[in-house]
Structures are given as structure tokens and as C-alpha cells.
């Protein structure tokens, strides 16, 4: 009889510690900025020794990159957005309208985590060349995701006739941008629910065939 595999308690403790540090760092970076936050403050907020932070992340730049990556993913699992279950399920919807509803909802979850740290990325990259190097010039990963969504969209029966993948990707990329999300939710005090309804309605209007 095969032995029952016991959970690795040490690995689980390490995972929980990493998550606590990343969450503490995210809260502090958003509240007071990347440059003004020290690793000692992060350690204090997370309830761990500062040596633990150095051991796990080596330096503040690496921790910042982990905060960004975890905010995008929603967890610490190394799974790309296009391989996430929510994205695959959205693309598998039988209609363009159904895909857009699921896609906008999934994107809203990401933007709620990512949008508040976007200004931090720009500010940190402007003052720290090593941070800027972590996001090299090239195709925007967010556009790559929206292009993949657009490829699925244009194959659906209710898509607007003649709509190209590129046009659909551009509309997804623009209307679901962190910048536009911040304008509505942070600056104009929209609720995330209101933003989601607006984005969904706007995209269905632009990308789907007229129902009437």
C-alpha cells in the first residue's frame, strides 16, 4: 500500500511567511511609496525578523517585483494569466457577449489589485535603473493577454461583422487599462461594480453585433 504523503510543514510555513511579507510590503508601498519604505518596516508589519526578509527576497527590488507579480496573479503560484482557469473559461464561452462578461469580471479582480500599484511602478522605475530593467522594453504583457482574448472573441457567432483581432485587442487593451480604472474608481469614486458594468456594456456595444 502506498504511503499517504504528509504535507510538508516547513514548505507551508515558508509559503505563509512569504505571503505575509508580500502583503505587508504591498500595503506599505501603496501607503507611503517604494522609496520611503524600508525592509525593517516591512518586517515589522509582517511580524517577522528583518533577516527573514533578506533571506527570502535578498533586497527591496526583488520584493517589489514579487509584490507586482503577486498582485497581477492574485496568489504566489507561477501561473501566467493566459493559463489561469478564469481566462481559459472566459475564452471558452460560446458567445462573444458571454466571453466579455467573464473577461471583464476577471480583469476587474486583477485591476482591483494592480491599479493602485501602477503609479508606484512608474515612480520606482524612474529613479532606480535596476527596477526599470525588470520591465524591459518590448511587447506589453497586458496587450499580449488582451490579444489572446481577442483571438477567441472574433471566432464567436455574435461578434461584430468585419471586426479584426487587432481592433478588438486595442479596445480591450484601452478600455480595461489600469489608468482608466483608476480615473473612474479612484478619482471619480465609482464603485468597482459600477466600473465593471460600464466596461462590460461598452465592450459589448463595440465588439458584438447589433441585437436589433
Protein backbone atom coordinates (compact mmCIF):
# COMPACT_ATOMS: atom_id res chain seq x y z
CA UNK A 1 0.00 0.00 0.00
CA UNK A 2 1.31 3.43 -0.92
CA UNK A 3 2.19 5.64 1.97
CA UNK A 4 -0.01 8.67 2.47
CA UNK A 5 2.03 11.70 1.55
CA UNK A 6 2.24 14.01 4.51
CA UNK A 7 2.12 17.76 3.99
CA UNK A 8 5.48 19.48 4.09
CA UNK A 9 5.06 21.68 7.16
CA UNK A 10 8.29 23.55 6.56
CA UNK A 11 7.30 24.42 2.99
CA UNK A 12 3.87 25.52 4.18
CA UNK A 13 5.40 27.79 6.83
CA UNK A 14 7.74 29.26 4.24
CA UNK A 15 4.83 29.92 1.89
CA UNK A 16 2.80 31.64 4.62
CA UNK A 17 5.80 33.75 5.65
CA UNK A 18 6.38 34.82 2.06
CA UNK A 19 2.72 35.77 1.65
CA UNK A 20 2.75 37.80 4.89
CA UNK A 21 5.85 39.71 3.80
CA UNK A 22 4.50 40.41 0.32
CA UNK A 23 1.16 41.63 1.69
CA UNK A 24 2.88 43.85 4.26
CA UNK A 25 5.15 45.29 1.58
CA UNK A 26 2.22 45.96 -0.72
CA UNK A 27 0.33 47.84 1.99
CA UNK A 28 3.36 49.96 2.84
CA UNK A 29 4.36 50.64 -0.77
CA UNK A 30 0.83 51.84 -1.57
CA UNK A 31 0.56 53.91 1.62
CA UNK A 32 3.94 55.65 1.59
CA UNK A 33 5.73 54.82 -1.66
CA UNK A 34 8.52 52.49 -2.67
CA UNK A 35 11.43 54.79 -1.83
CA UNK A 36 10.11 55.73 1.61
CA UNK A 37 9.54 52.13 2.72
CA UNK A 38 12.33 50.24 4.45
CA UNK A 39 12.67 46.49 4.76
CA UNK A 40 12.67 46.90 8.52
CA UNK A 41 9.20 48.46 8.28
CA UNK A 42 8.06 45.61 6.08
CA UNK A 43 9.40 43.07 8.57
CA UNK A 44 7.69 44.84 11.46
CA UNK A 45 4.37 44.94 9.60
CA UNK A 46 4.66 41.25 8.67
CA UNK A 47 5.70 40.23 12.17
CA UNK A 48 8.99 38.63 11.11
CA UNK A 49 12.66 39.39 11.61
CA UNK A 50 14.23 41.66 9.00
CA UNK A 51 16.84 38.94 8.40
CA UNK A 52 13.97 36.72 7.21
CA UNK A 53 13.00 39.32 4.63
CA UNK A 54 16.59 39.50 3.37
CA UNK A 55 16.87 35.71 3.30
CA UNK A 56 13.70 35.24 1.26
CA UNK A 57 13.91 38.25 -1.08
CA UNK A 58 17.59 39.39 -0.90
CA UNK A 59 16.72 43.07 -1.44
CA UNK A 60 13.88 45.54 -1.76
CA UNK A 61 13.91 45.48 -5.56
CA UNK A 62 13.21 41.75 -5.65
CA UNK A 63 10.48 42.15 -3.06
CA UNK A 64 8.89 44.93 -5.11
CA UNK A 65 8.87 42.72 -8.22
CA UNK A 66 7.22 39.97 -6.18
CA UNK A 67 4.57 42.41 -4.96
CA UNK A 68 3.79 43.36 -8.55
CA UNK A 69 3.72 39.78 -9.82
CA UNK A 70 1.56 38.59 -6.93
CA UNK A 71 -0.84 41.49 -7.41
CA UNK A 72 -1.32 40.51 -11.05
CA UNK A 73 -1.77 36.82 -10.33
CA UNK A 74 -3.68 37.06 -7.07
CA UNK A 75 -1.51 34.41 -5.47
CA UNK A 76 2.08 33.17 -5.38
CA UNK A 77 1.59 30.38 -7.92
CA UNK A 78 3.83 30.76 -11.02
CA UNK A 79 0.94 30.53 -13.48
CA UNK A 80 0.63 33.04 -16.34
CA UNK A 81 -2.62 34.94 -16.80
CA UNK A 82 -3.46 33.15 -20.04
CA UNK A 83 -3.07 29.80 -18.26
CA UNK A 84 -5.37 30.80 -15.40
CA UNK A 85 -8.67 28.97 -15.10
CA UNK A 86 -10.76 32.18 -15.23
CA UNK A 87 -9.11 33.27 -18.51
CA UNK A 88 -9.48 29.86 -20.14
CA UNK A 89 -13.12 29.62 -19.03
CA UNK A 90 -13.87 33.09 -20.43
CA UNK A 91 -12.33 32.22 -23.80
CA UNK A 92 -14.36 29.00 -23.88
CA UNK A 93 -17.67 30.85 -23.61
CA UNK A 94 -19.80 30.09 -26.70
CA UNK A 95 -20.69 33.73 -27.42
CA UNK A 96 -18.71 36.95 -27.60
CA UNK A 97 -21.08 38.60 -25.12
CA UNK A 98 -20.58 35.73 -22.67
CA UNK A 99 -16.82 35.89 -23.06
CA UNK A 100 -16.81 39.64 -22.49
CA UNK A 101 -18.87 39.32 -19.32
CA UNK A 102 -16.47 36.74 -17.90
CA UNK A 103 -13.38 38.55 -19.19
CA UNK A 104 -14.36 41.91 -17.74
CA UNK A 105 -15.17 40.31 -14.39
CA UNK A 106 -11.82 38.53 -14.25
CA UNK A 107 -9.99 41.67 -15.31
CA UNK A 108 -11.78 43.66 -12.64
CA UNK A 109 -10.37 41.31 -10.00
CA UNK A 110 -6.85 41.91 -11.33
CA UNK A 111 -7.25 45.67 -11.67
CA UNK A 112 -8.50 45.96 -8.10
CA UNK A 113 -5.12 44.59 -7.01
CA UNK A 114 -2.85 46.04 -9.68
CA UNK A 115 -4.17 49.52 -10.45
CA UNK A 116 -3.16 51.03 -7.07
CA UNK A 117 0.47 49.98 -7.57
CA UNK A 118 0.83 51.11 -11.20
CA UNK A 119 1.91 54.65 -10.20
CA UNK A 120 4.46 53.06 -7.86
CA UNK A 121 6.00 51.06 -10.70
CA UNK A 122 6.43 54.19 -12.82
CA UNK A 123 7.89 56.21 -9.94
CA UNK A 124 10.26 53.46 -8.82
CA UNK A 125 11.43 52.71 -12.36
CA UNK A 126 12.12 56.41 -12.94
CA UNK A 127 14.53 56.59 -10.01
CA UNK A 128 16.02 53.09 -9.98
CA UNK A 129 17.52 51.73 -13.24
CA UNK A 130 17.62 48.20 -11.84
CA UNK A 131 13.88 48.27 -11.25
CA UNK A 132 13.32 49.68 -14.73
CA UNK A 133 15.35 46.77 -16.12
CA UNK A 134 12.89 44.32 -14.55
CA UNK A 135 10.29 45.61 -17.03
CA UNK A 136 12.31 45.84 -20.26
CA UNK A 137 11.06 47.49 -23.42
CA UNK A 138 9.12 45.19 -25.70
CA UNK A 139 5.58 43.92 -26.18
CA UNK A 140 3.37 44.92 -23.26
CA UNK A 141 2.40 41.68 -21.44
CA UNK A 142 -1.05 43.15 -20.83
CA UNK A 143 -1.53 43.64 -24.58
CA UNK A 144 -0.40 40.05 -25.18
CA UNK A 145 -3.17 38.85 -22.85
CA UNK A 146 -5.80 41.05 -24.49
CA UNK A 147 -4.71 39.93 -27.95
CA UNK A 148 -5.20 36.30 -26.93
CA UNK A 149 -8.69 37.19 -25.65
CA UNK A 150 -9.41 38.99 -28.93
CA UNK A 151 -8.39 35.93 -30.94
CA UNK A 152 -11.03 33.91 -29.11
CA UNK A 153 -13.62 36.68 -29.43
CA UNK A 154 -13.54 37.05 -33.21
CA UNK A 155 -14.45 33.39 -33.67
CA UNK A 156 -17.77 33.77 -31.85
CA UNK A 157 -21.06 33.92 -33.79
CA UNK A 158 -22.25 37.21 -32.31
CA UNK A 159 -19.06 39.19 -32.95
CA UNK A 160 -19.44 42.43 -34.92
CA UNK A 161 -19.02 41.62 -38.64
CA UNK A 162 -15.65 42.56 -40.11
CA UNK A 163 -14.03 43.17 -36.72
CA UNK A 164 -10.31 42.37 -36.79
CA UNK A 165 -8.35 40.76 -33.99
CA UNK A 166 -6.19 43.89 -33.79
CA UNK A 167 -9.17 46.24 -33.38
CA UNK A 168 -10.72 44.00 -30.73
CA UNK A 169 -7.39 43.76 -28.89
CA UNK A 170 -6.95 47.53 -28.99
CA UNK A 171 -10.38 48.11 -27.48
CA UNK A 172 -9.79 45.54 -24.73
CA UNK A 173 -6.36 46.99 -24.04
CA UNK A 174 -7.65 50.56 -23.81
CA UNK A 175 -10.96 50.17 -22.01
CA UNK A 176 -9.60 47.66 -19.49
CA UNK A 177 -6.44 49.63 -18.71
CA UNK A 178 -5.30 50.30 -15.13
CA UNK A 179 -5.13 54.00 -15.95
CA UNK A 180 -8.78 54.21 -16.96
CA UNK A 181 -9.81 52.06 -14.00
CA UNK A 182 -8.06 54.50 -11.64
CA UNK A 183 -9.71 57.50 -13.25
CA UNK A 184 -13.16 56.10 -12.56
CA UNK A 185 -12.68 54.19 -9.30
CA UNK A 186 -10.06 56.29 -7.52
CA UNK A 187 -10.53 59.76 -9.00
CA UNK A 188 -14.27 59.76 -9.71
CA UNK A 189 -15.24 57.48 -6.80
CA UNK A 190 -17.02 54.84 -8.87
CA UNK A 191 -17.52 51.50 -7.16
CA UNK A 192 -15.79 48.51 -8.78
CA UNK A 193 -19.27 47.13 -9.54
CA UNK A 194 -20.19 50.31 -11.42
CA UNK A 195 -16.92 50.22 -13.36
CA UNK A 196 -17.47 46.56 -14.29
CA UNK A 197 -20.99 47.24 -15.56
CA UNK A 198 -19.77 50.20 -17.61
CA UNK A 199 -16.80 48.34 -19.10
CA UNK A 200 -18.91 45.30 -19.95
CA UNK A 201 -21.63 47.40 -21.58
CA UNK A 202 -19.13 49.49 -23.53
CA UNK A 203 -17.22 46.48 -24.85
CA UNK A 204 -20.35 44.53 -25.81
CA UNK A 205 -21.60 47.63 -27.65
CA UNK A 206 -18.30 47.99 -29.52
CA UNK A 207 -17.49 44.37 -30.22
CA UNK A 208 -20.77 42.49 -30.59
CA UNK A 209 -23.22 42.54 -33.46
CA UNK A 210 -26.24 44.79 -33.00
CA UNK A 211 -29.01 42.86 -31.30
CA UNK A 212 -31.67 44.88 -33.00
